[in-house]
Amino acid sequence: MKKILLILLIIIVFYALKQLVYKPYAWKKAINTPEHKLQLGSFIFSKQRGHNGSQSFENKYFIFKVTEINGDYVRLSVIRQLSQPDKLLQSDFSTTKDSYNNLKENIRSITITPILSEDLYKGDASYIINDYLLEKYPVLAT
């Protein structure tokens, strides 16, 4: 009986060491590799859960691109799809769950057009593809 308890105690100690010591060490070692470092052009995918003004919760999905790194200062640019004039998309910078998952899988094969923030407010309305944006950024037509 004592041998069984001793073996069980040894298994519990090894499991605790693995969970509390080895896993954080392995994660820290993996995250410091060059392919995981934050670089210019890196994409950050964020899923936030918060109140929607009532008693229920809603998920918001955000996609950012790193545009500047200066020491500890990191500038991000939000990635979102502009609305068509007759069909408005969401008003905040979040995207839908389906669009978020699609972009997460295909972000490297999709052409992303950077638009200056002051250009978004010129023309008919903000965050809508209008004649001014199509003239300045013709790739938006595709």
N, C-alpha and C. Protein backbone atom coordinates (compact mmCIF):
# COMPACT_ATOMS: atom_id res chain seq x y z
N MET A 1 0.82 -1.20 0.00
CA MET A 1 0.00 0.00 0.00
C MET A 1 0.87 1.26 0.00
N LYS A 2 1.98 1.21 0.78
CA LYS A 2 2.87 2.36 0.84
C LYS A 2 3.55 2.60 -0.50
N LYS A 3 3.88 1.51 -1.22
CA LYS A 3 4.52 1.65 -2.52
C LYS A 3 3.59 2.31 -3.52
N ILE A 4 2.32 1.97 -3.47
CA ILE A 4 1.33 2.56 -4.38
C ILE A 4 1.18 4.06 -4.08
N LEU A 5 1.12 4.43 -2.81
CA LEU A 5 1.02 5.83 -2.43
C LEU A 5 2.28 6.60 -2.83
N LEU A 6 3.44 5.97 -2.67
CA LEU A 6 4.69 6.61 -3.04
C LEU A 6 4.76 6.83 -4.57
N ILE A 7 4.36 5.84 -5.33
CA ILE A 7 4.34 5.98 -6.80
C ILE A 7 3.35 7.05 -7.22
N LEU A 8 2.19 7.08 -6.59
CA LEU A 8 1.18 8.09 -6.88
C LEU A 8 1.69 9.50 -6.53
N LEU A 9 2.37 9.62 -5.41
CA LEU A 9 2.94 10.90 -5.00
C LEU A 9 4.02 11.35 -5.99
N ILE A 10 4.86 10.44 -6.45
CA ILE A 10 5.90 10.78 -7.43
C ILE A 10 5.27 11.23 -8.75
N ILE A 11 4.22 10.57 -9.17
CA ILE A 11 3.53 10.96 -10.40
C ILE A 11 2.93 12.35 -10.25
N ILE A 12 2.35 12.65 -9.12
CA ILE A 12 1.76 13.97 -8.88
C ILE A 12 2.84 15.05 -8.87
N VAL A 13 3.99 14.77 -8.27
CA VAL A 13 5.09 15.73 -8.23
C VAL A 13 5.61 16.00 -9.64
N PHE A 14 5.82 14.93 -10.43
CA PHE A 14 6.29 15.12 -11.80
C PHE A 14 5.28 15.89 -12.65
N TYR A 15 4.01 15.62 -12.47
CA TYR A 15 2.97 16.34 -13.20
C TYR A 15 2.97 17.82 -12.82
N ALA A 16 3.09 18.11 -11.53
CA ALA A 16 3.12 19.50 -11.06
C ALA A 16 4.35 20.23 -11.61
N LEU A 17 5.51 19.57 -11.59
CA LEU A 17 6.73 20.18 -12.15
C LEU A 17 6.56 20.47 -13.64
N LYS A 18 5.95 19.55 -14.35
CA LYS A 18 5.73 19.75 -15.77
C LYS A 18 4.82 20.96 -16.01
N GLN A 19 3.74 21.05 -15.26
CA GLN A 19 2.77 22.13 -15.46
C GLN A 19 3.30 23.49 -14.98
N LEU A 20 3.99 23.51 -13.87
CA LEU A 20 4.40 24.77 -13.26
C LEU A 20 5.78 25.26 -13.68
N VAL A 21 6.64 24.35 -14.13
CA VAL A 21 8.01 24.75 -14.46
C VAL A 21 8.31 24.57 -15.95
N TYR A 22 8.11 23.35 -16.45
CA TYR A 22 8.54 23.07 -17.82
C TYR A 22 7.69 23.78 -18.87
N LYS A 23 6.36 23.74 -18.74
CA LYS A 23 5.50 24.36 -19.75
C LYS A 23 5.73 25.86 -19.89
N PRO A 24 5.82 26.65 -18.80
CA PRO A 24 6.14 28.07 -18.98
C PRO A 24 7.52 28.29 -19.61
N TYR A 25 8.48 27.46 -19.25
CA TYR A 25 9.82 27.57 -19.83
C TYR A 25 9.77 27.29 -21.33
N ALA A 26 9.10 26.23 -21.74
CA ALA A 26 9.01 25.88 -23.16
C ALA A 26 8.26 26.96 -23.93
N TRP A 27 7.20 27.52 -23.35
CA TRP A 27 6.44 28.58 -24.02
C TRP A 27 7.30 29.82 -24.20
N LYS A 28 8.03 30.20 -23.15
CA LYS A 28 8.89 31.39 -23.23
C LYS A 28 10.00 31.19 -24.25
N LYS A 29 10.56 29.99 -24.31
CA LYS A 29 11.61 29.70 -25.27
C LYS A 29 11.06 29.75 -26.70
N ALA A 30 9.86 29.22 -26.91
CA ALA A 30 9.26 29.21 -28.25
C ALA A 30 8.85 30.61 -28.70
N ILE A 31 8.35 31.43 -27.78
CA ILE A 31 7.86 32.76 -28.15
C ILE A 31 9.00 33.71 -28.49
N ASN A 32 10.22 33.42 -28.03
CA ASN A 32 11.36 34.27 -28.31
C ASN A 32 12.10 33.90 -29.60
N THR A 33 11.54 32.99 -30.38
CA THR A 33 12.15 32.64 -31.66
C THR A 33 11.84 33.75 -32.67
N PRO A 34 12.68 33.91 -33.70
CA PRO A 34 12.48 35.00 -34.67
C PRO A 34 11.13 34.96 -35.38
N GLU A 35 10.58 33.78 -35.64
CA GLU A 35 9.30 33.74 -36.36
C GLU A 35 8.12 34.20 -35.50
N HIS A 36 8.29 34.27 -34.19
CA HIS A 36 7.23 34.75 -33.30
C HIS A 36 7.42 36.20 -32.87
N LYS A 37 8.54 36.80 -33.22
CA LYS A 37 8.79 38.19 -32.82
C LYS A 37 7.89 39.14 -33.58
N LEU A 38 7.48 40.20 -32.91
CA LEU A 38 6.67 41.23 -33.54
C LEU A 38 7.56 42.03 -34.49
N GLN A 39 7.15 42.10 -35.76
CA GLN A 39 7.93 42.79 -36.78
C GLN A 39 7.03 43.74 -37.55
N LEU A 40 7.64 44.63 -38.31
CA LEU A 40 6.85 45.47 -39.21
C LEU A 40 6.11 44.58 -40.19
N GLY A 41 4.84 44.83 -40.36
CA GLY A 41 4.03 44.03 -41.26
C GLY A 41 3.37 42.84 -40.59
N SER A 42 3.66 42.59 -39.31
CA SER A 42 3.02 41.50 -38.59
C SER A 42 1.54 41.82 -38.39
N PHE A 43 0.72 40.78 -38.35
CA PHE A 43 -0.70 40.94 -38.10
C PHE A 43 -1.03 40.46 -36.70
N ILE A 44 -1.91 41.18 -36.03
CA ILE A 44 -2.35 40.82 -34.68
C ILE A 44 -3.84 40.56 -34.75
N PHE A 45 -4.25 39.38 -34.33
CA PHE A 45 -5.66 39.01 -34.32
C PHE A 45 -6.14 39.04 -32.87
N SER A 46 -7.22 39.75 -32.63
CA SER A 46 -7.71 39.96 -31.27
C SER A 46 -9.19 39.66 -31.20
N LYS A 47 -9.57 38.85 -30.23
CA LYS A 47 -10.98 38.55 -29.98
C LYS A 47 -11.28 39.04 -28.57
N GLN A 48 -12.23 39.96 -28.46
CA GLN A 48 -12.59 40.52 -27.16
C GLN A 48 -14.04 40.21 -26.86
N ARG A 49 -14.29 39.90 -25.61
CA ARG A 49 -15.65 39.61 -25.17
C ARG A 49 -16.04 40.69 -24.17
N GLY A 50 -17.16 41.33 -24.42
CA GLY A 50 -17.58 42.40 -23.53
C GLY A 50 -19.08 42.57 -23.54
N HIS A 51 -19.55 43.49 -22.69
CA HIS A 51 -20.98 43.77 -22.59
C HIS A 51 -21.44 44.49 -23.84
N ASN A 52 -22.68 44.23 -24.22
CA ASN A 52 -23.23 44.92 -25.39
C ASN A 52 -24.29 45.94 -24.99
N GLY A 53 -24.26 46.41 -23.75
CA GLY A 53 -25.21 47.41 -23.30
C GLY A 53 -26.38 46.83 -22.54
N SER A 54 -26.56 45.56 -22.62
CA SER A 54 -27.62 44.92 -21.84
C SER A 54 -26.97 43.88 -20.93
N GLN A 55 -27.71 42.87 -20.58
CA GLN A 55 -27.16 41.87 -19.66
C GLN A 55 -26.39 40.77 -20.37
N SER A 56 -26.33 40.81 -21.67
CA SER A 56 -25.64 39.76 -22.41
C SER A 56 -24.26 40.24 -22.87
N PHE A 57 -23.49 39.31 -23.37
CA PHE A 57 -22.14 39.58 -23.85
C PHE A 57 -22.12 39.45 -25.36
N GLU A 58 -21.13 40.10 -25.97
CA GLU A 58 -20.89 39.93 -27.40
C GLU A 58 -19.40 39.84 -27.65
N ASN A 59 -19.04 39.16 -28.72
CA ASN A 59 -17.65 39.04 -29.11
C ASN A 59 -17.36 40.06 -30.19
N LYS A 60 -16.20 40.71 -30.08
CA LYS A 60 -15.74 41.63 -31.10
C LYS A 60 -14.41 41.12 -31.63
N TYR A 61 -14.26 41.17 -32.93
CA TYR A 61 -13.08 40.64 -33.60
C TYR A 61 -12.33 41.78 -34.27
N PHE A 62 -11.04 41.91 -33.96
CA PHE A 62 -10.22 42.98 -34.50
C PHE A 62 -8.98 42.39 -35.16
N ILE A 63 -8.54 43.03 -36.24
CA ILE A 63 -7.32 42.65 -36.93
C ILE A 63 -6.49 43.91 -37.11
N PHE A 64 -5.24 43.86 -36.65
CA PHE A 64 -4.34 44.99 -36.72
C PHE A 64 -3.08 44.60 -37.48
N LYS A 65 -2.44 45.60 -38.08
CA LYS A 65 -1.15 45.41 -38.73
C LYS A 65 -0.15 46.34 -38.07
N VAL A 66 1.05 45.84 -37.78
CA VAL A 66 2.10 46.65 -37.17
C VAL A 66 2.70 47.55 -38.24
N THR A 67 2.61 48.87 -38.03
CA THR A 67 3.13 49.82 -39.02
C THR A 67 4.40 50.52 -38.58
N GLU A 68 4.69 50.49 -37.27
CA GLU A 68 5.91 51.15 -36.78
C GLU A 68 6.32 50.52 -35.46
N ILE A 69 7.61 50.26 -35.32
CA ILE A 69 8.17 49.79 -34.05
C ILE A 69 9.35 50.70 -33.73
N ASN A 70 9.28 51.37 -32.57
CA ASN A 70 10.34 52.27 -32.13
C ASN A 70 10.58 51.97 -30.65
N GLY A 71 11.49 51.05 -30.38
CA GLY A 71 11.73 50.63 -28.99
C GLY A 71 10.51 49.89 -28.47
N ASP A 72 9.93 50.40 -27.38
CA ASP A 72 8.73 49.79 -26.82
C ASP A 72 7.45 50.36 -27.43
N TYR A 73 7.58 51.36 -28.27
CA TYR A 73 6.43 51.99 -28.91
C TYR A 73 6.07 51.22 -30.18
N VAL A 74 4.83 50.77 -30.26
CA VAL A 74 4.36 50.04 -31.43
C VAL A 74 3.11 50.74 -31.95
N ARG A 75 3.12 51.08 -33.23
CA ARG A 75 1.94 51.71 -33.85
C ARG A 75 1.22 50.64 -34.67
N LEU A 76 -0.09 50.55 -34.43
CA LEU A 76 -0.92 49.58 -35.13
C LEU A 76 -1.89 50.28 -36.05
N SER A 77 -2.23 49.61 -37.13
CA SER A 77 -3.23 50.11 -38.06
C SER A 77 -4.32 49.04 -38.14
N VAL A 78 -5.56 49.46 -38.00
CA VAL A 78 -6.67 48.51 -38.01
C VAL A 78 -6.93 48.06 -39.45
N ILE A 79 -7.24 46.78 -39.61
CA ILE A 79 -7.59 46.21 -40.91
C ILE A 79 -9.09 46.00 -40.89
N ARG A 80 -9.79 46.63 -41.82
CA ARG A 80 -11.22 46.42 -41.92
C ARG A 80 -11.66 46.66 -43.35
N GLN A 81 -12.81 46.15 -43.67
CA GLN A 81 -13.37 46.31 -45.00
C GLN A 81 -14.23 47.56 -45.02
N LEU A 82 -14.09 48.35 -46.05
CA LEU A 82 -14.92 49.55 -46.19
C LEU A 82 -16.32 49.16 -46.64
N SER A 83 -17.29 49.98 -46.27
CA SER A 83 -18.68 49.73 -46.64
C SER A 83 -18.93 50.15 -48.08
N GLN A 84 -19.88 49.47 -48.69
CA GLN A 84 -20.39 49.89 -49.99
C GLN A 84 -21.42 50.99 -49.73
N PRO A 85 -21.64 51.92 -50.68
CA PRO A 85 -22.57 53.02 -50.43
C PRO A 85 -24.00 52.58 -50.07
N ASP A 86 -24.46 51.47 -50.62
CA ASP A 86 -25.83 51.04 -50.34
C ASP A 86 -25.94 50.00 -49.23
N LYS A 87 -24.79 49.48 -48.76
CA LYS A 87 -24.82 48.45 -47.74
C LYS A 87 -23.77 48.77 -46.67
N LEU A 88 -24.20 49.32 -45.54
CA LEU A 88 -23.27 49.72 -44.49
C LEU A 88 -22.83 48.51 -43.67
N LEU A 89 -21.55 48.49 -43.32
CA LEU A 89 -21.01 47.46 -42.43
C LEU A 89 -21.08 47.96 -40.99
N GLN A 90 -20.48 47.23 -40.07
CA GLN A 90 -20.50 47.62 -38.66
C GLN A 90 -19.86 48.99 -38.48
N SER A 91 -20.29 49.69 -37.44
CA SER A 91 -19.82 51.06 -37.24
C SER A 91 -18.47 51.13 -36.53
N ASP A 92 -18.13 50.15 -35.70
CA ASP A 92 -16.82 50.20 -35.04
C ASP A 92 -15.78 49.49 -35.91
N PHE A 93 -14.60 49.30 -35.40
CA PHE A 93 -13.53 48.71 -36.19
C PHE A 93 -13.54 47.19 -36.18
N SER A 94 -14.49 46.59 -35.49
CA SER A 94 -14.53 45.14 -35.42
C SER A 94 -15.10 44.58 -36.71
N THR A 95 -14.93 43.28 -36.89
CA THR A 95 -15.42 42.59 -38.06
C THR A 95 -16.27 41.41 -37.61
N THR A 96 -16.93 40.75 -38.53
CA THR A 96 -17.77 39.61 -38.18
C THR A 96 -16.89 38.39 -37.92
N LYS A 97 -17.48 37.39 -37.28
CA LYS A 97 -16.74 36.18 -36.95
C LYS A 97 -16.29 35.45 -38.21
N ASP A 98 -17.18 35.37 -39.22
CA ASP A 98 -16.83 34.68 -40.46
C ASP A 98 -15.72 35.41 -41.20
N SER A 99 -15.82 36.72 -41.29
CA SER A 99 -14.79 37.51 -41.96
C SER A 99 -13.47 37.40 -41.21
N TYR A 100 -13.53 37.43 -39.89
CA TYR A 100 -12.33 37.31 -39.04
C TYR A 100 -11.63 35.98 -39.31
N ASN A 101 -12.38 34.87 -39.29
CA ASN A 101 -11.78 33.55 -39.52
C ASN A 101 -11.24 33.43 -40.94
N ASN A 102 -11.96 34.01 -41.92
CA ASN A 102 -11.51 33.97 -43.30
C ASN A 102 -10.20 34.74 -43.46
N LEU A 103 -10.13 35.94 -42.87
CA LEU A 103 -8.91 36.73 -42.96
C LEU A 103 -7.75 36.06 -42.22
N LYS A 104 -8.04 35.41 -41.11
CA LYS A 104 -6.99 34.74 -40.34
C LYS A 104 -6.34 33.64 -41.17
N GLU A 105 -7.13 32.96 -41.98
CA GLU A 105 -6.59 31.88 -42.81
C GLU A 105 -5.92 32.40 -44.08
N ASN A 106 -6.41 33.51 -44.64
CA ASN A 106 -5.95 33.96 -45.96
C ASN A 106 -5.25 35.30 -45.95
N ILE A 107 -4.80 35.79 -44.80
CA ILE A 107 -4.27 37.15 -44.69
C ILE A 107 -3.03 37.35 -45.57
N ARG A 108 -2.25 36.33 -45.78
CA ARG A 108 -1.02 36.46 -46.58
C ARG A 108 -1.30 36.48 -48.08
N SER A 109 -2.45 35.99 -48.51
CA SER A 109 -2.75 35.95 -49.95
C SER A 109 -3.71 37.06 -50.39
N ILE A 110 -4.16 37.92 -49.47
CA ILE A 110 -5.09 38.99 -49.78
C ILE A 110 -4.33 40.30 -49.90
N THR A 111 -4.70 41.11 -50.89
CA THR A 111 -4.09 42.42 -51.04
C THR A 111 -4.78 43.39 -50.09
N ILE A 112 -4.00 44.01 -49.22
CA ILE A 112 -4.52 44.98 -48.25
C ILE A 112 -4.03 46.35 -48.68
N THR A 113 -4.96 47.26 -48.91
CA THR A 113 -4.62 48.60 -49.38
C THR A 113 -4.58 49.55 -48.20
N PRO A 114 -3.42 50.14 -47.91
CA PRO A 114 -3.37 51.12 -46.82
C PRO A 114 -3.99 52.45 -47.27
N ILE A 115 -4.86 52.99 -46.45
CA ILE A 115 -5.52 54.27 -46.74
C ILE A 115 -5.19 55.23 -45.62
N LEU A 116 -4.77 56.43 -45.97
CA LEU A 116 -4.48 57.44 -44.97
C LEU A 116 -5.75 57.79 -44.21
N SER A 117 -5.62 58.01 -42.90
CA SER A 117 -6.81 58.26 -42.08
C SER A 117 -7.54 59.51 -42.51
N GLU A 118 -6.82 60.53 -42.96
CA GLU A 118 -7.52 61.76 -43.38
C GLU A 118 -8.29 61.54 -44.68
N ASP A 119 -7.89 60.56 -45.49
CA ASP A 119 -8.63 60.28 -46.72
C ASP A 119 -9.97 59.60 -46.43
N LEU A 120 -10.07 58.91 -45.31
CA LEU A 120 -11.32 58.22 -44.99
C LEU A 120 -12.48 59.19 -44.75
N TYR A 121 -12.17 60.43 -44.37
CA TYR A 121 -13.22 61.40 -44.05
C TYR A 121 -13.54 62.33 -45.22
N LYS A 122 -12.83 62.18 -46.33
CA LYS A 122 -13.10 63.03 -47.49
C LYS A 122 -14.14 62.35 -48.38
N GLY A 123 -14.95 63.12 -49.02
CA GLY A 123 -15.96 62.56 -49.89
C GLY A 123 -17.32 62.56 -49.22
N ASP A 124 -18.17 61.62 -49.61
CA ASP A 124 -19.56 61.58 -49.14
C ASP A 124 -19.68 61.26 -47.66
N ALA A 125 -19.09 60.18 -47.21
CA ALA A 125 -19.20 59.76 -45.81
C ALA A 125 -17.95 58.99 -45.43
N SER A 126 -17.72 58.83 -44.14
CA SER A 126 -16.52 58.14 -43.70
C SER A 126 -16.69 56.63 -43.75
N TYR A 127 -15.60 55.95 -44.04
CA TYR A 127 -15.51 54.49 -44.10
C TYR A 127 -16.41 53.87 -45.16
N ILE A 128 -16.74 54.64 -46.19
CA ILE A 128 -17.54 54.14 -47.31
C ILE A 128 -16.74 54.37 -48.58
N ILE A 129 -16.75 53.39 -49.45
CA ILE A 129 -16.06 53.55 -50.73
C ILE A 129 -16.80 54.60 -51.53
N ASN A 130 -16.12 55.70 -51.81
CA ASN A 130 -16.73 56.78 -52.57
C ASN A 130 -15.83 57.12 -53.76
N ASP A 131 -16.26 58.10 -54.57
CA ASP A 131 -15.53 58.46 -55.79
C ASP A 131 -14.13 58.96 -55.47
N TYR A 132 -13.98 59.72 -54.37
CA TYR A 132 -12.67 60.24 -54.00
C TYR A 132 -11.69 59.09 -53.71
N LEU A 133 -12.13 58.11 -52.93
CA LEU A 133 -11.26 56.98 -52.60
C LEU A 133 -10.95 56.14 -53.83
N LEU A 134 -11.94 55.93 -54.69
CA LEU A 134 -11.70 55.15 -55.91
C LEU A 134 -10.75 55.86 -56.85
N GLU A 135 -10.78 57.19 -56.86
CA GLU A 135 -9.86 57.94 -57.71
C GLU A 135 -8.44 57.88 -57.16
N LYS A 136 -8.30 58.02 -55.84
CA LYS A 136 -6.97 58.03 -55.22
C LYS A 136 -6.40 56.62 -55.07
N TYR A 137 -7.25 55.63 -54.79
CA TYR A 137 -6.83 54.24 -54.61
C TYR A 137 -7.61 53.36 -55.60
N PRO A 138 -7.21 53.29 -56.85
CA PRO A 138 -7.99 52.54 -57.84
C PRO A 138 -8.10 51.05 -57.56
N VAL A 139 -7.17 50.50 -56.75
CA VAL A 139 -7.22 49.08 -56.44
C VAL A 139 -8.45 48.72 -55.60
N LEU A 140 -9.09 49.72 -54.98
CA LEU A 140 -10.30 49.46 -54.19
C LEU A 140 -11.46 48.98 -55.06
N ALA A 141 -11.43 49.28 -56.33
CA ALA A 141 -12.50 48.84 -57.24
C ALA A 141 -12.50 47.33 -57.40
N THR A 142 -11.34 46.71 -57.16
CA THR A 142 -11.28 45.27 -57.27
C THR A 142 -11.48 44.66 -55.92
